[in-house]
Amino acid sequence: MKRKHMGLIGLLVVAGLALCIGAVATQQTAEEEKEVSIDQVPAAVKAAILAQAGTGTIEEVELGNENGQVIYEADVIIDGQEVEIKVTPDGTLLGKEGDDEGDDEDDAEKADDDDDEHEEQVSLADVPEAVKAAIMKEAGGAEIKEIEKETEGGRTIYSAEVIIAGQEVDFEIAPDGALLGKEVENEDDDD
């Protein structure tokens, strides 16, 4: 009888080890990143990356997995600074980080003084029909707080701030109505 229990315990230990090894192997595989070209990513991902990159140079794009979520990470050189842009497969912007954040305040002032950049608040009636349709679709009847028309590097982008289920959601939309990015604000910002 004791021998029977020892055999069962041994079998359970071996099965437990096999499950642990499988889980570790799966985790390692899931966290591996694969380099892809910008032309190999979904159209929504490409649009979001290009919108964020502006006139910058895309160095590389990687397909990866972060906390069980598939993401695309693009390394872009913008004004001599390397910036990492993270996007979900549906084009939702997860983040944009520069390597030397908190850098010189003069750089921010230069960007503000740049004659090529322009930002103005507009009404829903003032945007192209394709942009209006995209905003209405994404808002789904929710409150539209504000819409901005931005011109950066010669490109026009419309940004809409919408309150959905009590959360602030920002959409970036191209003049042709293509959704370039979607970001849910995690913190309560009253800006």
Protein backbone atom coordinates (compact mmCIF):
# COMPACT_ATOMS: atom_id res chain seq x y z
CA MET A 1 0.00 0.00 0.00
CA LYS A 2 2.83 2.37 0.90
CA ARG A 3 4.56 1.50 -2.36
CA LYS A 4 1.36 2.31 -4.27
CA HIS A 5 1.20 5.80 -2.66
CA MET A 6 4.87 6.45 -3.35
CA GLY A 7 4.34 5.58 -7.01
CA LEU A 8 1.35 7.92 -7.19
CA ILE A 9 3.29 10.74 -5.49
CA GLY A 10 6.19 10.21 -7.89
CA LEU A 11 3.84 10.34 -10.85
CA LEU A 12 2.25 13.57 -9.56
CA VAL A 13 5.70 15.17 -9.05
CA VAL A 14 6.74 14.25 -12.60
CA ALA A 15 3.45 15.60 -14.01
CA GLY A 16 3.87 18.82 -12.00
CA LEU A 17 7.41 19.29 -13.29
CA ALA A 18 6.29 18.70 -16.86
CA LEU A 19 3.57 21.36 -16.49
CA CYS A 20 6.05 23.85 -15.00
CA ILE A 21 8.58 23.27 -17.78
CA GLY A 22 5.83 23.68 -20.38
CA ALA A 23 4.64 26.90 -18.77
CA VAL A 24 8.17 28.35 -18.68
CA ALA A 25 8.76 27.39 -22.32
CA THR A 26 5.43 28.97 -23.33
CA GLN A 27 6.24 32.14 -21.39
CA GLN A 28 9.66 32.43 -23.05
CA THR A 29 8.15 31.89 -26.50
CA ALA A 30 5.39 34.43 -25.81
CA GLU A 31 7.90 37.09 -24.77
CA GLU A 32 10.14 36.65 -27.81
CA GLU A 33 10.03 39.47 -30.31
CA LYS A 34 10.12 39.04 -34.07
CA GLU A 35 11.34 41.79 -36.36
CA VAL A 36 8.92 42.67 -39.17
CA SER A 37 8.86 45.36 -41.84
CA ILE A 38 6.41 48.25 -41.71
CA ASP A 39 4.74 46.75 -44.81
CA GLN A 40 4.09 43.45 -42.97
CA VAL A 41 2.01 45.00 -40.16
CA PRO A 42 -1.78 45.42 -40.30
CA ALA A 43 -2.98 48.64 -41.98
CA ALA A 44 -4.26 50.10 -38.68
CA VAL A 45 -0.86 49.50 -37.03
CA LYS A 46 0.99 51.04 -39.97
CA ALA A 47 -1.27 54.12 -39.92
CA ALA A 48 -0.81 54.59 -36.15
CA ILE A 49 2.98 54.22 -36.34
CA LEU A 50 3.25 56.60 -39.31
CA ALA A 51 1.00 59.15 -37.56
CA GLN A 52 3.19 59.08 -34.47
CA ALA A 53 6.46 59.01 -36.42
CA GLY A 54 5.55 62.04 -38.54
CA THR A 55 8.63 62.85 -40.62
CA GLY A 56 10.83 60.59 -38.46
CA THR A 57 12.73 57.56 -39.72
CA ILE A 58 11.42 54.11 -38.78
CA GLU A 59 14.46 52.08 -37.72
CA GLU A 60 12.71 48.77 -36.95
CA VAL A 61 9.35 47.26 -36.07
CA GLU A 62 9.00 44.24 -33.80
CA LEU A 63 6.02 41.98 -33.21
CA GLY A 64 5.94 40.91 -29.58
CA ASN A 65 3.81 39.95 -26.65
CA GLU A 66 3.51 41.97 -23.46
CA ASN A 67 1.49 40.60 -20.55
CA GLY A 68 -0.35 38.26 -22.89
CA GLN A 69 -1.22 41.05 -25.35
CA VAL A 70 0.14 41.15 -28.90
CA ILE A 71 1.90 44.46 -29.57
CA TYR A 72 3.96 46.10 -32.27
CA GLU A 73 6.94 48.17 -31.14
CA ALA A 74 8.47 50.61 -33.59
CA ASP A 75 11.81 52.30 -32.98
CA VAL A 76 11.73 55.66 -34.71
CA ILE A 77 14.29 58.47 -34.96
CA ILE A 78 12.48 61.80 -34.55
CA ASP A 79 14.60 64.96 -34.54
CA GLY A 80 17.69 62.90 -33.69
CA GLN A 81 16.01 61.20 -30.73
CA GLU A 82 15.08 57.51 -30.63
CA VAL A 83 11.42 57.05 -29.78
CA GLU A 84 9.65 53.75 -29.10
CA ILE A 85 6.04 53.55 -30.26
CA LYS A 86 3.84 50.70 -28.99
CA VAL A 87 0.63 49.81 -30.85
CA THR A 88 -1.96 47.02 -30.59
CA PRO A 89 -3.01 45.06 -33.73
CA ASP A 90 -6.14 47.25 -34.06
CA GLY A 91 -4.03 50.43 -34.19
CA THR A 92 -4.56 51.55 -30.59
CA LEU A 93 -1.60 53.58 -29.35
CA LEU A 94 -0.31 52.10 -26.08
CA GLY A 95 2.56 54.50 -25.60
CA LYS A 96 5.28 56.63 -27.09
CA GLU A 97 8.54 56.98 -25.17
CA GLY A 98 11.77 58.77 -25.96
CA ASP A 99 15.18 57.53 -24.81
CA ASP A 100 16.14 60.84 -23.28
CA GLU A 101 12.85 61.94 -21.76
CA GLY A 102 12.98 64.94 -19.49
CA ASP A 103 15.64 66.36 -21.78
CA ASP A 104 16.30 70.01 -22.38
CA GLU A 105 13.30 72.34 -22.02
CA ASP A 106 14.69 74.28 -24.97
CA ASP A 107 13.73 71.38 -27.25
CA ALA A 108 10.10 71.68 -26.17
CA GLU A 109 10.19 75.43 -26.74
CA LYS A 110 11.67 74.91 -30.22
CA ALA A 111 8.86 72.50 -31.06
CA ASP A 112 6.28 75.05 -29.88
CA ASP A 113 7.90 77.81 -31.94
CA ASP A 114 8.08 75.71 -35.11
CA ASP A 115 6.04 77.45 -37.81
CA ASP A 116 5.24 74.07 -39.40
CA GLU A 117 3.21 72.95 -36.38
CA HIS A 118 -0.30 74.24 -35.79
CA GLU A 119 -3.11 73.19 -33.50
CA GLU A 120 -6.62 74.60 -33.33
CA GLN A 121 -9.85 73.62 -31.66
CA VAL A 122 -12.67 72.92 -34.14
CA SER A 123 -16.30 71.86 -33.96
CA LEU A 124 -17.74 68.64 -35.34
CA ALA A 125 -19.39 70.70 -38.10
CA ASP A 126 -15.97 72.03 -39.19
CA VAL A 127 -14.31 68.65 -39.90
CA PRO A 128 -14.47 66.72 -43.19
CA GLU A 129 -17.40 64.30 -43.52
CA ALA A 130 -15.10 61.25 -43.34
CA VAL A 131 -13.59 62.51 -40.07
CA LYS A 132 -17.03 63.33 -38.67
CA ALA A 133 -18.27 59.81 -39.51
CA ALA A 134 -15.21 58.23 -37.87
CA ILE A 135 -15.60 60.33 -34.71
CA MET A 136 -19.31 59.53 -34.46
CA LYS A 137 -18.63 55.81 -34.99
CA GLU A 138 -15.88 55.67 -32.36
CA ALA A 139 -17.82 57.81 -29.87
CA GLY A 140 -20.89 55.61 -30.22
CA GLY A 141 -23.17 58.35 -28.92
CA ALA A 142 -20.87 59.28 -26.01
CA GLU A 143 -20.02 62.88 -25.09
CA ILE A 144 -17.48 64.51 -27.40
CA LYS A 145 -15.47 66.90 -25.19
CA GLU A 146 -13.33 68.53 -27.86
CA ILE A 147 -11.90 68.16 -31.34
CA GLU A 148 -8.55 69.55 -32.42
CA LYS A 149 -7.11 69.94 -35.90
CA GLU A 150 -3.34 69.56 -35.81
CA THR A 151 -0.83 70.19 -38.56
CA GLU A 152 2.60 68.72 -37.95
CA GLY A 153 5.29 68.24 -40.55
CA GLY A 154 2.78 69.13 -43.25
CA ARG A 155 0.32 66.40 -42.15
CA THR A 156 -3.13 67.16 -40.79
CA ILE A 157 -4.55 65.00 -38.01
CA TYR A 158 -7.81 65.38 -36.12
CA SER A 159 -7.83 64.52 -32.40
CA ALA A 160 -11.12 63.91 -30.63
CA GLU A 161 -11.49 63.66 -26.86
CA VAL A 162 -14.54 61.60 -25.89
CA ILE A 163 -15.93 60.50 -22.51
CA ILE A 164 -16.96 56.83 -22.77
CA ALA A 165 -18.26 55.08 -19.64
CA GLY A 166 -16.67 57.77 -17.47
CA GLN A 167 -13.22 57.37 -19.09
CA GLU A 168 -11.49 59.86 -21.35
CA VAL A 169 -10.67 58.32 -24.72
CA ASP A 170 -8.58 60.16 -27.32
CA PHE A 171 -8.85 59.30 -31.00
CA GLU A 172 -6.50 60.39 -33.78
CA ILE A 173 -8.10 60.42 -37.21
CA ALA A 174 -6.66 61.11 -40.67
CA PRO A 175 -8.48 63.51 -43.02
CA ASP A 176 -9.76 60.48 -44.98
CA GLY A 177 -11.46 59.13 -41.83
CA ALA A 178 -8.88 56.42 -41.05
CA LEU A 179 -8.44 55.79 -37.33
CA LEU A 180 -4.74 56.40 -36.60
CA GLY A 181 -4.77 55.79 -32.87
CA LYS A 182 -6.93 55.34 -29.82
CA GLU A 183 -5.77 55.91 -26.26
CA VAL A 184 -7.71 55.48 -23.02
CA GLU A 185 -6.56 57.83 -20.27
CA ASN A 186 -5.85 55.79 -17.16
CA GLU A 187 -5.54 58.75 -14.82
CA ASP A 188 -8.11 61.45 -14.05
CA ASP A 189 -6.68 64.43 -15.91
CA ASP A 190 -8.66 67.65 -15.98
CA ASP A 191 -6.52 69.24 -18.73
